[in-house]
Protein backbone atom coordinates (compact mmCIF):
# COMPACT_ATOMS: atom_id res chain seq x y z
CA UNK A 1 100.44 118.23 26.59
CA UNK A 2 100.16 114.66 25.43
CA UNK A 3 99.15 111.95 27.91
CA UNK A 4 101.92 109.41 28.51
CA UNK A 5 102.36 106.10 30.35
CA UNK A 6 105.86 104.66 30.90
CA UNK A 7 105.75 100.89 31.50
CA UNK A 8 108.58 98.37 31.97
CA UNK A 9 107.85 94.70 31.29
CA UNK A 10 109.55 92.25 33.65
CA UNK A 11 109.53 88.46 33.60
CA UNK A 12 111.62 85.34 34.08
CA UNK A 13 113.51 84.04 31.03
CA UNK A 14 111.07 82.30 28.66
CA UNK A 15 107.76 83.31 30.23
CA UNK A 16 106.59 84.97 26.99
CA UNK A 17 107.62 88.61 27.51
CA UNK A 18 108.89 89.26 23.99
CA UNK A 19 105.81 87.55 22.49
CA UNK A 20 103.51 89.81 24.51
CA UNK A 21 105.42 92.91 23.32
CA UNK A 22 105.00 91.68 19.72
CA UNK A 23 101.23 91.42 20.19
CA UNK A 24 101.07 94.87 21.79
CA UNK A 25 102.91 96.34 18.79
CA UNK A 26 100.43 94.59 16.45
CA UNK A 27 97.45 95.84 18.45
CA UNK A 28 98.87 99.38 18.42
CA UNK A 29 98.76 99.23 14.58
CA UNK A 30 102.46 100.00 14.19
CA UNK A 31 102.64 98.01 10.97
CA UNK A 32 100.64 98.38 7.80
CA UNK A 33 98.27 95.48 7.09
CA UNK A 34 100.40 94.10 4.26
CA UNK A 35 103.69 94.23 6.21
CA UNK A 36 105.15 90.88 7.23
CA UNK A 37 107.18 91.58 10.36
CA UNK A 38 107.86 88.05 11.65
CA UNK A 39 108.20 87.28 15.36
CA UNK A 40 110.32 88.46 18.30
CA UNK A 41 110.43 91.99 16.90
CA UNK A 42 112.18 93.41 19.97
CA UNK A 43 114.91 90.74 20.18
CA UNK A 44 116.67 92.21 17.21
CA UNK A 45 120.12 90.81 17.90
CA UNK A 46 120.92 87.30 16.50
CA UNK A 47 122.13 86.02 19.85
CA UNK A 48 118.87 87.05 21.53
CA UNK A 49 116.81 85.19 18.95
CA UNK A 50 118.88 82.02 19.14
CA UNK A 51 118.95 81.79 22.90
CA UNK A 52 115.43 83.11 23.40
CA UNK A 53 116.58 85.64 26.01
CA UNK A 54 116.50 89.43 26.10
CA UNK A 55 120.00 90.83 26.68
CA UNK A 56 119.72 94.54 25.86
CA UNK A 57 116.84 96.67 27.03
CA UNK A 58 114.95 98.48 24.27
CA UNK A 59 112.14 101.01 24.03
CA UNK A 60 109.12 101.26 21.73
CA UNK A 61 105.96 103.29 21.89
CA UNK A 62 102.34 102.47 21.03
CA UNK A 63 99.33 104.79 20.78
CA UNK A 64 96.15 103.54 22.50
CA UNK A 65 92.93 105.58 22.84
CA UNK A 66 94.93 108.79 22.34
CA UNK A 67 97.48 107.96 25.06
CA UNK A 68 101.12 107.28 24.21
CA UNK A 69 102.41 104.14 25.98
CA UNK A 70 106.22 103.85 26.16
CA UNK A 71 107.05 100.14 26.55
CA UNK A 72 110.48 99.34 28.00
CA UNK A 73 111.61 95.73 27.51
CA UNK A 74 113.95 94.52 30.28
CA UNK A 75 116.25 91.48 30.40
CA UNK A 76 114.91 88.58 32.48
CA UNK A 77 118.27 87.17 33.48
CA UNK A 78 119.96 88.41 36.65
CA UNK A 79 123.38 88.28 34.94
CA UNK A 80 122.16 91.37 33.07
CA UNK A 81 121.17 93.13 36.29
CA UNK A 82 123.15 96.17 35.23
CA UNK A 83 120.61 96.68 32.44
CA UNK A 84 117.58 96.14 34.69
CA UNK A 85 118.47 98.66 37.39
CA UNK A 86 118.79 101.64 35.14
CA UNK A 87 115.82 100.77 32.92
CA UNK A 88 113.38 100.74 35.84
CA UNK A 89 114.34 104.35 36.59
CA UNK A 90 112.54 105.35 33.38
CA UNK A 91 109.19 103.69 34.26
CA UNK A 92 106.15 104.68 36.35
CA UNK A 93 104.85 101.15 36.63
CA UNK A 94 105.62 97.57 35.63
CA UNK A 95 103.88 94.70 33.91
CA UNK A 96 104.93 91.56 35.79
CA UNK A 97 104.56 88.60 33.46
CA UNK A 98 104.27 85.15 35.07
CA UNK A 99 103.84 81.68 33.57
CA UNK A 100 100.48 80.15 34.63
CA UNK A 101 102.13 76.80 35.40
CA UNK A 102 105.61 77.66 36.71
CA UNK A 103 104.62 80.68 38.80
CA UNK A 104 107.13 83.30 39.95
CA UNK A 105 110.76 82.16 39.47
CA UNK A 106 113.98 83.44 41.10
CA UNK A 107 114.88 85.79 38.24
CA UNK A 108 111.36 87.30 38.46
CA UNK A 109 111.99 87.88 42.12
CA UNK A 110 115.30 89.61 41.34
CA UNK A 111 113.73 92.15 38.96
CA UNK A 112 110.55 92.59 40.98
CA UNK A 113 112.58 93.41 44.10
CA UNK A 114 114.22 96.28 42.21
CA UNK A 115 110.84 97.55 40.98
CA UNK A 116 109.17 97.43 44.41
CA UNK A 117 112.04 99.24 46.11
CA UNK A 118 111.60 102.05 43.54
CA UNK A 119 107.91 102.26 44.51
CA UNK A 120 106.53 101.22 41.10
CA UNK A 121 102.98 99.86 40.86
CA UNK A 122 102.79 96.37 39.30
CA UNK A 123 100.10 94.93 37.00
CA UNK A 124 100.31 91.13 37.07
CA UNK A 125 99.83 89.36 33.72
CA UNK A 126 99.41 85.59 34.12
CA UNK A 127 100.41 84.22 30.71
CA UNK A 128 100.11 80.79 29.04
CA UNK A 129 96.74 79.85 30.61
CA UNK A 130 96.20 77.69 27.50
CA UNK A 131 98.83 75.23 28.84
CA UNK A 132 97.54 71.90 30.17
CA UNK A 133 97.63 71.58 34.03
CA UNK A 134 98.10 75.34 34.44
CA UNK A 135 97.12 76.77 37.85
CA UNK A 136 96.31 80.49 37.42
CA UNK A 137 94.61 80.94 40.82
CA UNK A 138 97.45 79.35 42.79
CA UNK A 139 100.02 81.36 40.80
CA UNK A 140 98.09 84.54 41.63
CA UNK A 141 98.42 83.69 45.35
CA UNK A 142 102.14 82.89 44.90
CA UNK A 143 102.70 86.35 43.36
CA UNK A 144 100.89 87.98 46.30
CA UNK A 145 103.05 86.04 48.79
CA UNK A 146 106.21 86.99 46.88
CA UNK A 147 105.32 90.70 46.90
CA UNK A 148 104.45 90.52 50.59
CA UNK A 149 107.84 88.93 51.35
CA UNK A 150 109.55 91.75 49.39
CA UNK A 151 107.93 94.37 51.70
CA UNK A 152 105.53 95.79 49.11
CA UNK A 153 103.29 98.68 50.24
CA UNK A 154 99.50 98.29 50.53
CA UNK A 155 99.04 100.15 47.25
CA UNK A 156 101.46 97.76 45.51
CA UNK A 157 99.79 94.67 47.06
CA UNK A 158 96.43 95.82 45.72
CA UNK A 159 97.50 94.92 42.18
CA UNK A 160 95.18 94.28 39.20
CA UNK A 161 95.54 90.94 37.37
CA UNK A 162 95.08 90.03 33.71
CA UNK A 163 94.99 86.45 32.41
CA UNK A 164 95.48 85.08 28.92
CA UNK A 165 97.81 83.72 26.28
CA UNK A 166 100.09 86.12 24.40
CA UNK A 167 100.81 83.43 21.83
CA UNK A 168 97.08 83.02 20.99
CA UNK A 169 96.62 86.82 21.17
CA UNK A 170 93.99 87.12 23.91
CA UNK A 171 93.85 88.63 27.41
CA UNK A 172 90.99 88.90 29.88
CA UNK A 173 90.35 89.81 33.53
CA UNK A 174 88.86 86.32 34.08
CA UNK A 175 90.91 83.35 32.89
CA UNK A 176 87.79 81.26 32.18
CA UNK A 177 86.44 83.83 29.69
CA UNK A 178 88.46 83.77 26.50
CA UNK A 179 88.40 86.98 24.42
CA UNK A 180 89.68 87.63 20.88
CA UNK A 181 92.13 90.52 21.62
CA UNK A 182 94.62 91.83 24.21
CA UNK A 183 92.77 95.08 24.99
CA UNK A 184 92.54 94.07 28.67
CA UNK A 185 96.28 94.74 29.07
CA UNK A 186 96.07 98.22 27.55
CA UNK A 187 93.00 99.09 29.61
CA UNK A 188 94.78 97.98 32.81
CA UNK A 189 97.80 100.16 31.91
CA UNK A 190 95.63 103.25 31.31
CA UNK A 191 93.62 102.67 34.50
CA UNK A 192 96.28 101.65 37.03
CA UNK A 193 99.61 103.10 35.93
CA UNK A 194 99.91 106.79 36.79
CA UNK A 195 100.88 109.30 34.15
CA UNK A 196 104.18 111.04 34.99
CA UNK A 197 103.87 113.89 37.48
CA UNK A 198 104.58 117.31 36.04
CA UNK A 199 107.49 118.76 38.02
CA UNK A 200 108.05 122.47 37.41
CA UNK A 201 111.52 123.93 37.61
CA UNK A 202 114.88 123.70 35.88
CA UNK A 203 115.44 120.64 33.67
CA UNK A 204 116.77 117.37 35.14
CA UNK A 205 117.37 114.24 33.08
CA UNK A 206 119.29 111.17 34.16
CA UNK A 207 121.09 109.27 31.39
CA UNK A 208 119.95 105.67 31.83
CA UNK A 209 121.02 104.07 28.56
CA UNK A 210 122.81 104.95 25.39
CA UNK A 211 122.81 104.28 21.71
CA UNK A 212 125.53 104.63 19.13
CA UNK A 213 125.31 105.86 15.57
CA UNK A 214 128.10 105.89 13.00
CA UNK A 215 127.13 109.40 11.93
CA UNK A 216 126.10 111.05 15.19
CA UNK A 217 128.36 109.30 17.73
CA UNK A 218 127.04 108.47 21.17
CA UNK A 219 123.39 109.25 21.90
CA UNK A 220 122.20 109.73 25.50
CA UNK A 221 118.79 108.25 26.41
CA UNK A 222 116.85 108.98 29.56
CA UNK A 223 113.67 110.26 31.10
CA UNK A 224 113.10 113.94 31.73
CA UNK A 225 112.31 114.19 35.47
CA UNK A 226 111.64 117.90 35.65
CA UNK A 227 111.17 120.94 33.44
CA UNK A 228 111.55 121.07 29.65
CA UNK A 229 114.35 120.69 27.12
CA UNK A 230 114.61 122.37 23.69
CA UNK A 231 116.85 121.95 20.66
CA UNK A 232 120.04 124.13 20.78
CA UNK A 233 119.60 124.68 24.50
CA UNK A 234 122.78 125.10 26.59
CA UNK A 235 122.88 122.61 29.50
CA UNK A 236 125.27 121.31 32.19
CA UNK A 237 126.43 117.69 32.29
CA UNK A 238 126.98 116.70 35.94
CA UNK A 239 129.27 113.65 36.32
CA UNK A 240 129.26 111.02 39.09
CA UNK A 241 132.21 112.70 40.83
CA UNK A 242 130.41 116.07 40.89
CA UNK A 243 132.41 117.75 38.09
CA UNK A 244 130.36 119.84 35.65
CA UNK A 245 130.83 120.25 31.89
CA UNK A 246 128.93 122.80 29.77
CA UNK A 247 127.42 121.47 26.56
CA UNK A 248 124.62 122.04 24.02
CA UNK A 249 121.80 119.81 22.74
CA UNK A 250 122.00 119.63 18.94
CA UNK A 251 118.96 117.41 18.34
CA UNK A 252 116.11 115.88 20.40
CA UNK A 253 114.30 112.64 19.58
CA UNK A 254 111.35 110.87 21.18
CA UNK A 255 110.39 107.22 20.72
CA UNK A 256 107.81 106.74 18.02
CA UNK A 257 106.77 103.16 17.25
CA UNK A 258 109.92 101.10 16.75
CA UNK A 259 112.02 104.11 15.78
CA UNK A 260 112.60 107.67 16.91
CA UNK A 261 111.30 110.95 15.57
CA UNK A 262 112.78 114.48 15.82
CA UNK A 263 111.03 117.03 18.02
CA UNK A 264 111.70 120.68 18.90
CA UNK A 265 111.04 120.33 22.61
CA UNK A 266 110.37 117.64 25.26
CA UNK A 267 108.24 117.99 28.40
CA UNK A 268 108.66 116.41 31.81
CA UNK A 269 107.91 112.64 32.02
CA UNK A 270 108.78 111.82 28.40
CA UNK A 271 111.57 109.40 27.39
CA UNK A 272 113.93 111.05 24.95
CA UNK A 273 117.29 110.75 23.17
CA UNK A 274 119.74 113.66 23.19
CA UNK A 275 122.24 114.10 20.34
CA UNK A 276 125.35 116.26 20.56
CA UNK A 277 126.27 115.59 24.20
CA UNK A 278 129.87 114.38 24.56
CA UNK A 279 131.92 112.45 27.16
CA UNK A 280 128.94 111.35 29.24
CA UNK A 281 128.51 108.15 31.26
CA UNK A 282 125.43 106.31 32.36
CA UNK A 283 124.09 107.78 35.59
CA UNK A 284 125.19 111.37 34.77
CA UNK A 285 122.60 114.15 34.96
CA UNK A 286 121.72 116.73 32.31
CA UNK A 287 120.74 119.83 34.29
CA UNK A 288 120.23 123.57 34.02
CA UNK A 289 123.07 125.63 32.52
CA UNK A 290 123.29 128.23 35.30
CA UNK A 291 122.35 126.39 38.51
CA UNK A 292 122.64 122.63 37.88
CA UNK A 293 121.02 120.27 40.40
CA UNK A 294 122.17 116.66 39.88
CA UNK A 295 119.98 113.59 40.49
CA UNK A 296 121.36 110.75 42.62
CA UNK A 297 123.53 108.41 40.51
CA UNK A 298 122.28 104.85 39.93
CA UNK A 299 123.82 102.23 42.21
CA UNK A 300 124.94 99.20 40.22
CA UNK A 301 125.54 95.71 41.64
CA UNK A 302 129.18 94.71 41.65
CA UNK A 303 130.67 92.02 39.40
CA UNK A 304 131.05 88.56 40.96
CA UNK A 305 133.24 86.77 38.42
CA UNK A 306 136.39 87.42 36.38
CA UNK A 307 138.07 85.83 33.36
CA UNK A 308 141.42 86.41 31.71
CA UNK A 309 141.07 87.55 28.08
CA UNK A 310 144.21 87.25 25.98
CA UNK A 311 145.23 87.30 22.31
CA UNK A 312 145.12 84.03 20.38
CA UNK A 313 148.69 82.75 20.20
CA UNK A 314 147.95 79.15 19.26
CA UNK A 315 149.52 77.65 16.09
CA UNK A 316 146.18 78.22 14.29
CA UNK A 317 145.92 81.97 15.01
CA UNK A 318 144.68 84.26 12.24
CA UNK A 319 143.24 81.43 10.12
CA UNK A 320 139.63 82.58 10.24
CA UNK A 321 139.43 85.80 12.27
CA UNK A 322 139.77 89.37 10.98
CA UNK A 323 140.77 90.95 14.31
CA UNK A 324 143.59 89.11 16.07
CA UNK A 325 145.98 91.67 17.59
CA UNK A 326 146.00 92.99 21.15
CA UNK A 327 145.08 96.48 19.87
CA UNK A 328 141.89 95.12 18.26
CA UNK A 329 140.81 93.30 21.42
CA UNK A 330 141.57 96.25 23.69
CA UNK A 331 139.57 98.63 21.46
CA UNK A 332 136.63 96.21 21.40
CA UNK A 333 136.63 95.85 25.21
CA UNK A 334 136.77 99.65 25.61
CA UNK A 335 133.80 99.99 23.26
CA UNK A 336 131.85 97.41 25.28
CA UNK A 337 132.54 99.29 28.53
CA UNK A 338 130.67 102.31 27.14
CA UNK A 339 127.35 100.49 27.16
CA UNK A 340 127.80 97.41 29.37
CA UNK A 341 127.41 98.78 32.88
CA UNK A 342 128.22 95.72 34.99
CA UNK A 343 131.49 95.07 33.12
CA UNK A 344 134.97 96.09 34.32
CA UNK A 345 138.31 95.65 32.56
CA UNK A 346 141.69 95.69 34.32
CA UNK A 347 145.14 95.71 32.75
CA UNK A 348 147.55 92.90 33.71
CA UNK A 349 151.37 92.71 33.73
CA UNK A 350 151.23 91.56 30.10
CA UNK A 351 150.29 93.95 27.29
CA UNK A 352 148.35 91.11 25.60
CA UNK A 353 146.02 90.10 28.47
CA UNK A 354 143.21 91.73 30.49
CA UNK A 355 141.15 90.68 33.48
CA UNK A 356 137.48 91.14 32.58
CA UNK A 357 134.96 91.24 35.44
CA UNK A 358 131.26 90.49 34.97
CA UNK A 359 128.06 89.34 36.64
CA UNK A 360 128.40 85.62 35.84
CA UNK A 361 129.44 83.10 33.21
CA UNK A 362 126.45 83.95 30.99
CA UNK A 363 127.15 87.70 31.09
CA UNK A 364 130.77 87.19 29.98
CA UNK A 365 130.03 84.41 27.48
CA UNK A 366 127.50 86.63 25.66
CA UNK A 367 130.28 89.20 25.22
CA UNK A 368 132.71 86.52 23.93
CA UNK A 369 130.07 85.09 21.58
CA UNK A 370 129.32 88.57 20.19
CA UNK A 371 133.03 89.21 19.64
CA UNK A 372 133.60 85.95 17.78
CA UNK A 373 130.65 86.71 15.49
CA UNK A 374 132.20 90.08 14.69
CA UNK A 375 135.39 88.30 13.55
CA UNK A 376 137.57 88.45 16.67
CA UNK A 377 139.95 85.71 17.78
CA UNK A 378 140.87 85.45 21.44
CA UNK A 379 141.66 83.04 24.27
CA UNK A 380 139.85 82.96 27.60
CA UNK A 381 141.00 81.51 30.91
CA UNK A 382 139.01 79.68 33.57
CA UNK A 383 136.20 81.74 35.22
CA UNK A 384 137.13 82.77 38.78
CA UNK A 385 134.91 84.24 41.47
CA UNK A 386 135.93 87.52 43.08
CA UNK A 387 137.11 87.15 46.68
CA UNK A 388 136.99 90.13 49.05
CA UNK A 389 138.75 90.64 52.36
CA UNK A 390 137.08 92.45 55.25
CA UNK A 391 138.58 92.62 58.75
CA UNK A 392 141.00 89.84 57.87
CA UNK A 393 138.18 87.47 56.79
CA UNK A 394 137.85 86.01 53.29
CA UNK A 395 134.43 86.64 51.71
CA UNK A 396 133.01 85.07 48.55
CA UNK A 397 129.79 85.64 46.53
CA UNK A 398 126.87 83.39 47.49
CA UNK A 399 123.85 82.77 45.25
CA UNK A 400 120.29 81.61 45.66
CA UNK A 401 119.87 78.50 43.47
CA UNK A 402 116.50 76.94 42.62
CA UNK A 403 116.11 73.59 40.89
CA UNK A 404 112.81 72.29 39.59
CA UNK A 405 112.86 68.56 38.71
CA UNK A 406 110.94 65.23 38.84
CA UNK A 407 110.71 63.69 42.31
CA UNK A 408 112.75 60.58 41.51
CA UNK A 409 115.86 62.68 40.72
CA UNK A 410 115.67 64.98 43.77
CA UNK A 411 118.04 62.88 45.93
CA UNK A 412 120.75 62.96 43.29
CA UNK A 413 120.37 66.75 42.82
CA UNK A 414 120.62 67.47 46.58
CA UNK A 415 123.73 65.28 46.81
CA UNK A 416 125.41 67.09 43.89
CA UNK A 417 124.71 70.57 45.32
CA UNK A 418 125.76 69.71 48.90
CA UNK A 419 129.08 68.36 47.58
CA UNK A 420 129.63 71.87 46.21
CA UNK A 421 128.98 73.44 49.64
CA UNK A 422 125.32 74.23 48.93
CA UNK A 423 122.78 74.35 51.80
CA UNK A 424 119.19 73.24 51.22
CA UNK A 425 116.85 76.02 52.42
CA UNK A 426 113.46 74.76 51.20
CA UNK A 427 111.89 71.76 49.48
CA UNK A 428 108.37 71.93 48.09
CA UNK A 429 106.32 69.45 46.10
CA UNK A 430 104.39 70.77 43.08
CA UNK A 431 102.42 67.96 41.40
CA UNK A 432 104.91 65.31 40.25
CA UNK A 433 107.84 67.72 40.44
CA UNK A 434 109.89 68.98 43.37
CA UNK A 435 111.05 72.59 43.85
CA UNK A 436 114.37 72.84 45.71
CA UNK A 437 116.05 76.02 46.97
CA UNK A 438 119.69 76.27 48.05
CA UNK A 439 122.27 78.83 49.13
CA UNK A 440 125.46 78.00 47.25
CA UNK A 441 128.80 79.77 46.66
CA UNK A 442 129.11 81.16 43.10
CA UNK A 443 132.13 78.96 42.40
CA UNK A 444 129.96 75.90 43.15
CA UNK A 445 127.67 76.83 40.23
CA UNK A 446 130.49 76.83 37.67
CA UNK A 447 130.13 73.55 35.77
CA UNK A 448 127.05 72.43 37.73
CA UNK A 449 124.48 72.79 34.94
CA UNK A 450 125.89 70.20 32.53
CA UNK A 451 126.43 67.63 35.32
CA UNK A 452 122.93 68.26 36.69
CA UNK A 453 121.29 67.79 33.28
CA UNK A 454 123.18 64.50 32.79
CA UNK A 455 122.20 63.23 36.24
CA UNK A 456 118.49 64.11 35.81
CA UNK A 457 118.18 63.01 32.15
CA UNK A 458 117.73 66.62 31.02
CA UNK A 459 114.71 67.25 33.26
CA UNK A 460 116.16 69.79 35.72
CA UNK A 461 115.32 73.49 35.35
CA UNK A 462 117.98 75.58 37.13
CA UNK A 463 118.06 79.28 37.95
CA UNK A 464 120.28 81.29 40.26
CA UNK A 465 120.77 84.87 41.42
CA UNK A 466 123.40 86.66 43.47
CA UNK A 467 122.51 87.41 47.11
CA UNK A 468 125.57 88.75 48.95
CA UNK A 469 129.19 88.17 49.96
CA UNK A 470 129.53 85.65 52.83
CA UNK A 471 132.51 84.08 54.65
CA UNK A 472 134.56 81.55 52.63
CA UNK A 473 132.86 78.14 52.62
CA UNK A 474 135.96 75.92 52.20
CA UNK A 475 137.39 73.99 49.25
CA UNK A 476 135.16 72.37 46.63
CA UNK A 477 136.10 69.17 44.78
CA UNK A 478 137.10 69.91 41.20
CA UNK A 479 136.83 67.83 38.03
CA UNK A 480 138.92 64.72 38.78
CA UNK A 481 139.48 63.34 35.27
CA UNK A 482 142.50 64.61 33.39
CA UNK A 483 142.70 65.72 29.75
CA UNK A 484 143.81 63.91 26.60
CA UNK A 485 146.43 66.10 24.93
CA UNK A 486 147.81 65.99 21.39
CA UNK A 487 151.54 65.14 21.22
CA UNK A 488 152.06 65.92 17.53
CA UNK A 489 150.46 68.49 15.19
CA UNK A 490 148.68 67.20 12.07
CA UNK A 491 145.30 65.81 11.05
CA UNK A 492 143.41 63.39 13.30
CA UNK A 493 143.07 59.96 11.69
CA UNK A 494 140.35 57.43 12.50
CA UNK A 495 142.85 54.54 12.70
CA UNK A 496 144.90 56.33 15.39
CA UNK A 497 141.79 57.38 17.34
CA UNK A 498 140.24 53.89 17.24
CA UNK A 499 143.15 52.37 19.19
CA UNK A 500 142.82 55.08 21.89
CA UNK A 501 139.07 54.88 22.52
CA UNK A 502 139.46 52.94 25.76
CA UNK A 503 141.55 55.84 27.15
CA UNK A 504 138.65 58.30 27.34
CA UNK A 505 136.06 60.35 25.44
CA UNK A 506 136.97 62.50 22.43
CA UNK A 507 135.94 66.10 21.65
CA UNK A 508 137.05 65.88 18.00
CA UNK A 509 136.09 63.83 14.95
CA UNK A 510 138.51 62.25 12.44
CA UNK A 511 139.99 64.52 9.73
CA UNK A 512 140.19 67.59 11.96
CA UNK A 513 143.39 69.65 12.15
CA UNK A 514 144.96 69.49 15.62
CA UNK A 515 148.08 71.04 17.14
CA UNK A 516 150.51 70.01 19.84
CA UNK A 517 149.15 70.82 23.30
CA UNK A 518 145.49 70.95 22.21
CA UNK A 519 143.01 69.24 24.57
CA UNK A 520 140.99 66.80 22.45
CA UNK A 521 139.31 64.60 25.05
CA UNK A 522 138.76 63.65 28.68
CA UNK A 523 140.93 60.98 30.26
CA UNK A 524 139.14 58.13 32.06
CA UNK A 525 141.51 58.55 34.99
CA UNK A 526 143.18 61.30 36.98
CA UNK A 527 146.07 63.18 35.43
CA UNK A 528 146.69 64.29 31.85
CA UNK A 529 147.71 61.90 29.08
CA UNK A 530 149.49 62.85 25.85
CA UNK A 531 148.39 60.78 22.85
CA UNK A 532 149.09 60.61 19.13
CA UNK A 533 145.91 60.77 17.03
CA UNK A 534 147.75 61.64 13.80
CA UNK A 535 149.10 58.10 13.39
CA UNK A 536 148.18 56.53 10.03
CA UNK A 537 148.23 52.82 9.16
CA UNK A 538 151.34 51.91 7.18
CA UNK A 539 151.30 49.53 4.25
CA UNK A 540 153.35 46.31 4.47
CA UNK A 541 154.20 43.69 1.86
CA UNK A 542 151.62 41.41 3.48
CA UNK A 543 148.57 43.64 3.19
CA UNK A 544 147.36 46.95 1.81
CA UNK A 545 146.79 49.92 4.09
CA UNK A 546 143.06 49.86 3.38
CA UNK A 547 142.08 46.25 4.04
CA UNK A 548 141.35 45.69 7.71
CA UNK A 549 138.57 45.85 10.29
CA UNK A 550 136.17 48.74 9.94
CA UNK A 551 136.91 51.51 12.47
CA UNK A 552 133.96 52.23 14.81
CA UNK A 553 134.23 55.55 16.69
CA UNK A 554 131.81 56.96 19.26
CA UNK A 555 130.53 60.41 18.22
CA UNK A 556 132.60 63.27 19.74
CA UNK A 557 131.36 65.47 22.59
CA UNK A 558 130.79 69.05 21.33
CA UNK A 559 130.82 71.91 23.84
CA UNK A 560 128.92 75.14 23.64
CA UNK A 561 130.91 78.22 24.70
CA UNK A 562 129.51 78.22 28.27
CA UNK A 563 130.11 74.49 28.69
CA UNK A 564 133.72 74.90 27.49
CA UNK A 565 134.32 77.78 29.95
CA UNK A 566 132.87 75.75 32.80
CA UNK A 567 134.81 72.60 31.82
CA UNK A 568 138.41 73.86 31.59
CA UNK A 569 140.91 73.63 34.44
CA UNK A 570 143.24 76.34 35.73
CA UNK A 571 146.08 75.46 33.34
CA UNK A 572 143.87 75.52 30.22
CA UNK A 573 142.44 78.13 27.84
CA UNK A 574 139.41 78.17 25.58
CA UNK A 575 140.50 79.33 22.12
CA UNK A 576 137.60 81.18 20.47
CA UNK A 577 137.60 81.99 16.74
CA UNK A 578 134.67 82.84 14.42
CA UNK A 579 134.34 79.23 13.24
CA UNK A 580 135.57 77.08 16.13
CA UNK A 581 135.93 76.66 19.88
CA UNK A 582 138.99 74.64 20.94
CA UNK A 583 140.44 73.75 24.33
CA UNK A 584 144.20 73.90 24.87
CA UNK A 585 146.85 73.81 27.58
CA UNK A 586 148.38 77.21 28.38
CA UNK A 587 151.83 75.59 27.96
CA UNK A 588 151.78 73.66 24.68
CA UNK A 589 155.08 71.75 25.12
CA UNK A 590 155.03 68.73 27.41
CA UNK A 591 158.44 69.35 29.01
CA UNK A 592 157.35 72.91 29.91
CA UNK A 593 154.22 71.55 31.61
CA UNK A 594 156.30 69.04 33.59
CA UNK A 595 158.72 71.77 34.66
CA UNK A 596 155.80 73.99 35.76
CA UNK A 597 154.29 71.24 37.95
CA UNK A 598 157.60 70.79 39.77
């Protein structure tokens, strides 16, 4: 039987996890010497590369000194907690990657908490020790304190540490001694992470993730907890509700390098993919045909936020998207539900709209961004937090928010968060920067990031994670300024916009097509204002239409998808198409809006 180690890599967003995996793949000689593979090999999806975050967990395997190491890459962001929870079920130990300057961050804490509660042994890798003013020894103590506060066992607290720089391709057990390779990481894995125990008995495999192939359909991926599986073996599929379906395994694959290879049989402890199983869900168990014994299903954190998804019915619908009908959007959401665990979709009274529940604005905006890249057009309403009722009391989700920023801006940041019902729980000075921690309702975080970056001149580093549902904290002040709304469809003209500059800030440039009811700017005052930006300068017998003062326009404000979702008010939609993001009023006609306010 081959020796195996199953390791999950966990880290905060941007602490160098994907870079370390790249270097491990290089060291494991997965590529021929002449192959040019580029960087960020594991972040294969365009969105992951652009944002520099891991969204989907993936598996690869590397051979080292005759031992097969299965590396499981996990997302660092707590909005993708649904991914994290099930991935850790496949591992026997974790590599905890920490930045040598920043130390453990809230998202690290979120994933580490899950790993410690499952009893996994951590190896701490302190990365980026080549940074100026890094503090590896203090960070090491911070990690120990964090694990202690998460109720780690003595065995877990006695963790080995490796220091180095994944970017410069070296790791060592002493940060002052620079080496020329990352063998120290592999040696630590072989020494400290246990190989899977061999459990005799009937087979048990929990499906923890899935893949999809055009030719083979859905593929179940999981770790074999007990016994052995063979090709063409008859097995039972035990669902969450206890019902049992009989099925047969048509093909078995194990992870081999970046791909998968076919095998005839799989032994206990190995990660494998099963082909030919139908109608399964994540968390189901593949068990013995005659006397099936299910494993406990995975508990998944509940969604905290919802958005209304609806078809695009603006005057510009269908101009640049391929999929615009309600059937297309419904099919796409159903497909997403198959692999996105923390997502829920509910029907509404209308056949063209759905309530989509997720773990946060980022979780839902990644789905919207993926859909628009695939050619979908849709409209999305304002994000809303989920409110529960227990014993007649209103409960809302509360999050742990940390802000890291220069000392001179700390007063402004505290003021902004307390206005949104946040409570300061700790304040710590680290060099010239201050580390603030708050408890804040989830709805207070919507729209906070862009305001915070403006107030701190782009210096603030924010991170948040869901804690629990707590009693309702009271009303929060909303955006006061109204919107500038187009009164007449046409093309925006610089001459018309120039005369309206003192009314507010624009989100569009001249020569853009606009339609009636579109939101094209922010009013300087309260309340909405309808304006005409399609007005051209007429010629008179005194002068030509061209000769006059030069028009000077301030550059327009451009929103990213998240900023647009956080900016809109309750009576507005974000219209998302493959080539543009527009804001609009739900009711396009002014007299309808007036009637609705009465």
